[in-house]
Amino acid sequence: MDSINRNQPEHNREDVSGRGAIDRIKKVVDKNSVCFFVTRNGTGPSSGARPMSVRKVDEQGRLYFLSANDSHTNQELLADGNVRLFFQGSGRSDFMELIGSASISTDKQMIDELWNPLIKTWFTGGVDDPRITVLTFVAREGYYWDNKHGDAIAGIKMVIGAAIGTTMDDSIEGTLKV
């Protein structure tokens, strides 16, 4: 056990699975839908890491993205569909890593559902741009770091703990099994 956990008088570990894991994923994505989407064998200049915006999380916990069929992302996924996603929901909480696999489709109905006019910045042909593909990410597992009572309470507990010389960390962390 590391030193922060030895000094932690409160319960700060909770592994989550099934519906609870899906709810946590949705909570983080609702706060900030942008994540780092990291493929295993990066071929582009970013070594496989790039920011991408989640367009939807469904009831099974699958995450959907839009990507170009000629992008490094799509080329890397064709070679190896293993992916890691890294989220930061806010400046001080809601951190999450998801490990899973992604697949590529050209499902027109899903493209229409995920479309937003601002996406035309990347797909100048609009919703009918022939380069648009849907990436579907299915998480197998993950890890999260958060606080239990919100940023304000966590901040107050940190200040009080520092003032009285005791650990009053409001953090909670654990594994995610979807």
C-alpha atoms as a PDB file:
ATOM      1  CA  MET A   1       0.000   0.000   0.000  1.00  0.00           C
ATOM      2  CA  ASP A   2       1.462   3.394  -0.900  1.00  0.00           C
ATOM      3  CA  SER A   3       1.829   6.257   1.571  1.00  0.00           C
ATOM      4  CA  ILE A   4      -1.269   8.268   0.566  1.00  0.00           C
ATOM      5  CA  ASN A   5      -3.444   5.224   1.247  1.00  0.00           C
ATOM      6  CA  ARG A   6      -1.763   4.527   4.620  1.00  0.00           C
ATOM      7  CA  ASN A   7      -2.598   8.082   5.709  1.00  0.00           C
ATOM      8  CA  GLN A   8      -6.131   7.964   4.316  1.00  0.00           C
ATOM      9  CA  PRO A   9      -8.678   7.576   7.117  1.00  0.00           C
ATOM     10  CA  GLU A  10     -11.619   7.441   4.698  1.00  0.00           C
ATOM     11  CA  HIS A  11     -12.708   4.826   2.196  1.00  0.00           C
ATOM     12  CA  ASN A  12     -11.112   5.918  -1.083  1.00  0.00           C
ATOM     13  CA  ARG A  13     -11.333   2.828  -3.277  1.00  0.00           C
ATOM     14  CA  GLU A  14     -14.379   1.491  -5.095  1.00  0.00           C
ATOM     15  CA  ASP A  15     -14.296  -0.843  -8.080  1.00  0.00           C
ATOM     16  CA  VAL A  16     -17.316  -0.472 -10.346  1.00  0.00           C
ATOM     17  CA  SER A  17     -18.802  -2.883 -12.878  1.00  0.00           C
ATOM     18  CA  GLY A  18     -21.782  -3.288 -15.173  1.00  0.00           C
ATOM     19  CA  ARG A  19     -24.402  -0.541 -14.968  1.00  0.00           C
ATOM     20  CA  GLY A  20     -22.316   1.409 -12.443  1.00  0.00           C
ATOM     21  CA  ALA A  21     -19.346   1.463 -14.827  1.00  0.00           C
ATOM     22  CA  ILE A  22     -21.548   2.613 -17.720  1.00  0.00           C
ATOM     23  CA  ASP A  23     -23.056   5.360 -15.534  1.00  0.00           C
ATOM     24  CA  ARG A  24     -19.565   6.560 -14.562  1.00  0.00           C
ATOM     25  CA  ILE A  25     -18.509   6.621 -18.235  1.00  0.00           C
ATOM     26  CA  LYS A  26     -21.592   8.671 -19.123  1.00  0.00           C
ATOM     27  CA  LYS A  27     -20.963  11.067 -16.219  1.00  0.00           C
ATOM     28  CA  VAL A  28     -17.407  11.803 -17.356  1.00  0.00           C
ATOM     29  CA  VAL A  29     -18.345  12.142 -21.046  1.00  0.00           C
ATOM     30  CA  ASP A  30     -21.221  14.481 -20.124  1.00  0.00           C
ATOM     31  CA  LYS A  31     -18.716  16.766 -18.371  1.00  0.00           C
ATOM     32  CA  ASN A  32     -16.179  16.686 -21.188  1.00  0.00           C
ATOM     33  CA  SER A  33     -16.702  14.682 -24.352  1.00  0.00           C
ATOM     34  CA  VAL A  34     -13.145  15.247 -25.605  1.00  0.00           C
ATOM     35  CA  CYS A  35     -10.625  12.531 -24.861  1.00  0.00           C
ATOM     36  CA  PHE A  36      -7.270  11.337 -26.074  1.00  0.00           C
ATOM     37  CA  PHE A  37      -7.946   8.453 -28.441  1.00  0.00           C
ATOM     38  CA  VAL A  38      -4.790   6.329 -28.538  1.00  0.00           C
ATOM     39  CA  THR A  39      -4.213   3.489 -30.979  1.00  0.00           C
ATOM     40  CA  ARG A  40      -1.656   0.825 -30.218  1.00  0.00           C
ATOM     41  CA  ASN A  41       0.607   1.189 -33.273  1.00  0.00           C
ATOM     42  CA  GLY A  42       0.606   4.864 -34.188  1.00  0.00           C
ATOM     43  CA  THR A  43       1.720   5.635 -37.721  1.00  0.00           C
ATOM     44  CA  GLY A  44       1.069   9.353 -37.857  1.00  0.00           C
ATOM     45  CA  PRO A  45       3.094  12.202 -36.418  1.00  0.00           C
ATOM     46  CA  SER A  46       1.281  11.953 -33.041  1.00  0.00           C
ATOM     47  CA  SER A  47       2.442   8.353 -32.426  1.00  0.00           C
ATOM     48  CA  GLY A  48      -1.163   7.180 -32.255  1.00  0.00           C
ATOM     49  CA  ALA A  49      -2.557   9.759 -29.799  1.00  0.00           C
ATOM     50  CA  ARG A  50      -5.045  12.415 -30.812  1.00  0.00           C
ATOM     51  CA  PRO A  51      -7.898  14.371 -29.212  1.00  0.00           C
ATOM     52  CA  MET A  52     -11.317  13.242 -30.387  1.00  0.00           C
ATOM     53  CA  SER A  53     -14.849  14.116 -29.350  1.00  0.00           C
ATOM     54  CA  VAL A  54     -17.306  11.443 -28.277  1.00  0.00           C
ATOM     55  CA  ARG A  55     -20.521  11.981 -30.218  1.00  0.00           C
ATOM     56  CA  LYS A  56     -22.631   9.506 -28.201  1.00  0.00           C
ATOM     57  CA  VAL A  57     -22.557   6.956 -25.374  1.00  0.00           C
ATOM     58  CA  ASP A  58     -25.265   4.321 -25.717  1.00  0.00           C
ATOM     59  CA  GLU A  59     -27.002   2.252 -23.025  1.00  0.00           C
ATOM     60  CA  GLN A  60     -24.460  -0.565 -23.365  1.00  0.00           C
ATOM     61  CA  GLY A  61     -21.584   1.867 -22.758  1.00  0.00           C
ATOM     62  CA  ARG A  62     -20.339   1.946 -26.361  1.00  0.00           C
ATOM     63  CA  LEU A  63     -18.781   5.260 -27.406  1.00  0.00           C
ATOM     64  CA  TYR A  64     -19.196   6.660 -30.910  1.00  0.00           C
ATOM     65  CA  PHE A  65     -16.906   9.008 -32.827  1.00  0.00           C
ATOM     66  CA  LEU A  66     -16.767  10.362 -36.367  1.00  0.00           C
ATOM     67  CA  SER A  67     -13.521  10.044 -38.302  1.00  0.00           C
ATOM     68  CA  ALA A  68     -12.261  10.364 -41.862  1.00  0.00           C
ATOM     69  CA  ASN A  69     -11.677   7.194 -43.852  1.00  0.00           C
ATOM     70  CA  ASP A  70      -8.281   8.545 -44.966  1.00  0.00           C
ATOM     71  CA  SER A  71      -7.112   9.541 -41.470  1.00  0.00           C
ATOM     72  CA  HIS A  72      -4.182   8.043 -39.555  1.00  0.00           C
ATOM     73  CA  THR A  73      -6.750   6.974 -36.957  1.00  0.00           C
ATOM     74  CA  ASN A  74      -8.666   4.793 -39.392  1.00  0.00           C
ATOM     75  CA  GLN A  75      -5.500   3.359 -40.942  1.00  0.00           C
ATOM     76  CA  GLU A  76      -4.164   2.436 -37.494  1.00  0.00           C
ATOM     77  CA  LEU A  77      -7.480   0.833 -36.508  1.00  0.00           C
ATOM     78  CA  LEU A  78      -7.470  -1.302 -39.643  1.00  0.00           C
ATOM     79  CA  ALA A  79      -4.092  -2.694 -38.560  1.00  0.00           C
ATOM     80  CA  ASP A  80      -4.994  -3.101 -34.864  1.00  0.00           C
ATOM     81  CA  GLY A  81      -8.331  -2.198 -33.257  1.00  0.00           C
ATOM     82  CA  ASN A  82      -6.984  -1.994 -29.691  1.00  0.00           C
ATOM     83  CA  VAL A  83      -7.506   1.484 -28.235  1.00  0.00           C
ATOM     84  CA  ARG A  84      -7.063   3.413 -24.990  1.00  0.00           C
ATOM     85  CA  LEU A  85      -9.120   6.500 -24.197  1.00  0.00           C
ATOM     86  CA  PHE A  86      -8.027   9.099 -21.633  1.00  0.00           C
ATOM     87  CA  PHE A  87     -10.577  11.573 -20.229  1.00  0.00           C
ATOM     88  CA  GLN A  88     -10.382  14.568 -17.933  1.00  0.00           C
ATOM     89  CA  GLY A  89     -13.903  15.635 -16.973  1.00  0.00           C
ATOM     90  CA  SER A  90     -12.842  18.809 -15.187  1.00  0.00           C
ATOM     91  CA  GLY A  91      -9.700  20.468 -13.897  1.00  0.00           C
ATOM     92  CA  ARG A  92      -9.699  18.615 -10.579  1.00  0.00           C
ATOM     93  CA  SER A  93     -11.864  15.525 -10.960  1.00  0.00           C
ATOM     94  CA  ASP A  94     -13.427  12.947 -13.246  1.00  0.00           C
ATOM     95  CA  PHE A  95     -10.290  11.375 -14.709  1.00  0.00           C
ATOM     96  CA  MET A  96     -10.737   8.100 -16.550  1.00  0.00           C
ATOM     97  CA  GLU A  97      -8.839   5.621 -18.711  1.00  0.00           C
ATOM     98  CA  LEU A  98     -10.761   3.111 -20.831  1.00  0.00           C
ATOM     99  CA  ILE A  99      -9.204   0.117 -22.584  1.00  0.00           C
ATOM    100  CA  GLY A 100     -11.047  -1.635 -25.378  1.00  0.00           C
ATOM    101  CA  SER A 101     -11.402  -1.989 -29.113  1.00  0.00           C
ATOM    102  CA  ALA A 102     -12.753   0.162 -31.909  1.00  0.00           C
ATOM    103  CA  SER A 103     -14.323  -0.730 -35.220  1.00  0.00           C
ATOM    104  CA  ILE A 104     -15.050   1.335 -38.328  1.00  0.00           C
ATOM    105  CA  SER A 105     -18.347   1.543 -40.205  1.00  0.00           C
ATOM    106  CA  THR A 106     -20.045   3.703 -42.804  1.00  0.00           C
ATOM    107  CA  ASP A 107     -23.536   3.303 -41.300  1.00  0.00           C
ATOM    108  CA  LYS A 108     -25.404   6.265 -42.844  1.00  0.00           C
ATOM    109  CA  GLN A 109     -28.150   6.219 -40.208  1.00  0.00           C
ATOM    110  CA  MET A 110     -25.556   6.476 -37.432  1.00  0.00           C
ATOM    111  CA  ILE A 111     -23.667   9.235 -39.294  1.00  0.00           C
ATOM    112  CA  ASP A 112     -26.928  11.201 -39.529  1.00  0.00           C
ATOM    113  CA  GLU A 113     -27.580  10.653 -35.802  1.00  0.00           C
ATOM    114  CA  LEU A 114     -24.084  11.775 -34.780  1.00  0.00           C
ATOM    115  CA  TRP A 115     -23.880  14.731 -37.192  1.00  0.00           C
ATOM    116  CA  ASN A 116     -23.610  18.320 -36.002  1.00  0.00           C
ATOM    117  CA  PRO A 117     -23.211  21.254 -38.448  1.00  0.00           C
ATOM    118  CA  LEU A 118     -19.932  22.284 -36.763  1.00  0.00           C
ATOM    119  CA  ILE A 119     -18.403  18.982 -37.882  1.00  0.00           C
ATOM    120  CA  LYS A 120     -18.448  20.414 -41.401  1.00  0.00           C
ATOM    121  CA  THR A 121     -15.133  22.000 -40.393  1.00  0.00           C
ATOM    122  CA  TRP A 122     -13.554  18.541 -40.936  1.00  0.00           C
ATOM    123  CA  PHE A 123     -16.007  17.163 -43.474  1.00  0.00           C
ATOM    124  CA  THR A 124     -16.526  19.994 -45.951  1.00  0.00           C
ATOM    125  CA  GLY A 125     -18.975  17.913 -47.983  1.00  0.00           C
ATOM    126  CA  GLY A 126     -21.400  18.020 -45.039  1.00  0.00           C
ATOM    127  CA  VAL A 127     -23.274  15.054 -43.655  1.00  0.00           C
ATOM    128  CA  ASP A 128     -23.004  13.317 -47.053  1.00  0.00           C
ATOM    129  CA  ASP A 129     -19.206  13.706 -47.282  1.00  0.00           C
ATOM    130  CA  PRO A 130     -17.981  10.309 -48.566  1.00  0.00           C
ATOM    131  CA  ARG A 131     -14.986  10.384 -46.165  1.00  0.00           C
ATOM    132  CA  ILE A 132     -17.094  10.161 -42.955  1.00  0.00           C
ATOM    133  CA  THR A 133     -16.888   6.963 -40.946  1.00  0.00           C
ATOM    134  CA  VAL A 134     -18.253   5.991 -37.546  1.00  0.00           C
ATOM    135  CA  LEU A 135     -15.840   4.611 -34.962  1.00  0.00           C
ATOM    136  CA  THR A 136     -17.500   2.439 -32.332  1.00  0.00           C
ATOM    137  CA  PHE A 137     -15.447   1.926 -29.176  1.00  0.00           C
ATOM    138  CA  VAL A 138     -16.295  -0.941 -26.835  1.00  0.00           C
ATOM    139  CA  ALA A 139     -14.601  -0.751 -23.431  1.00  0.00           C
ATOM    140  CA  ARG A 140     -13.416  -3.933 -21.728  1.00  0.00           C
ATOM    141  CA  GLU A 141     -11.999  -2.312 -18.632  1.00  0.00           C
ATOM    142  CA  GLY A 142     -10.683   0.928 -17.253  1.00  0.00           C
ATOM    143  CA  TYR A 143      -9.704   2.951 -14.225  1.00  0.00           C
ATOM    144  CA  TYR A 144     -11.083   6.175 -12.763  1.00  0.00           C
ATOM    145  CA  TRP A 145     -10.002   8.864 -10.310  1.00  0.00           C
ATOM    146  CA  ASP A 146     -12.601  11.261  -8.901  1.00  0.00           C
ATOM    147  CA  ASN A 147     -13.752  12.925  -5.710  1.00  0.00           C
ATOM    148  CA  LYS A 148     -16.720  11.774  -3.677  1.00  0.00           C
ATOM    149  CA  HIS A 149     -18.483  15.022  -2.878  1.00  0.00           C
ATOM    150  CA  GLY A 150     -17.657  17.453  -5.678  1.00  0.00           C
ATOM    151  CA  ASP A 151     -14.793  19.863  -6.244  1.00  0.00           C
ATOM    152  CA  ALA A 152     -15.881  22.382  -3.577  1.00  0.00           C
ATOM    153  CA  ILE A 153     -16.015  19.849  -0.725  1.00  0.00           C
ATOM    154  CA  ALA A 154     -12.768  18.238  -1.907  1.00  0.00           C
ATOM    155  CA  GLY A 155     -11.075  21.655  -1.846  1.00  0.00           C
ATOM    156  CA  ILE A 156     -12.382  22.468   1.638  1.00  0.00           C
ATOM    157  CA  LYS A 157     -11.219  19.096   2.970  1.00  0.00           C
ATOM    158  CA  MET A 158      -7.750  19.675   1.479  1.00  0.00           C
ATOM    159  CA  VAL A 159      -7.453  23.105   3.116  1.00  0.00           C
ATOM    160  CA  ILE A 160      -8.639  21.813   6.512  1.00  0.00           C
ATOM    161  CA  GLY A 161      -6.381  18.751   6.268  1.00  0.00           C
ATOM    162  CA  ALA A 162      -3.358  20.932   5.454  1.00  0.00           C
ATOM    163  CA  ALA A 163      -4.183  23.299   8.331  1.00  0.00           C
ATOM    164  CA  ILE A 164      -4.502  20.551  10.951  1.00  0.00           C
ATOM    165  CA  GLY A 165      -1.818  18.255   9.508  1.00  0.00           C
ATOM    166  CA  THR A 166      -3.945  15.253   8.593  1.00  0.00           C
ATOM    167  CA  THR A 167      -5.002  13.622   5.347  1.00  0.00           C
ATOM    168  CA  MET A 168      -8.574  14.586   4.485  1.00  0.00           C
ATOM    169  CA  ASP A 169      -8.470  13.602   0.869  1.00  0.00           C
ATOM    170  CA  ASP A 170     -11.937  13.317  -0.699  1.00  0.00           C
ATOM    171  CA  SER A 171     -10.705  11.158  -3.575  1.00  0.00           C
ATOM    172  CA  ILE A 172     -12.195   7.928  -4.813  1.00  0.00           C
ATOM    173  CA  GLU A 173     -10.684   5.629  -7.435  1.00  0.00           C
ATOM    174  CA  GLY A 174     -11.070   2.152  -8.790  1.00  0.00           C
ATOM    175  CA  THR A 175     -11.347  -0.210 -11.698  1.00  0.00           C
ATOM    176  CA  LEU A 176     -14.127  -0.181 -14.260  1.00  0.00           C
ATOM    177  CA  LYS A 177     -15.478  -3.415 -15.763  1.00  0.00           C
ATOM    178  CA  VAL A 178     -18.068  -2.834 -18.446  1.00  0.00           C
END
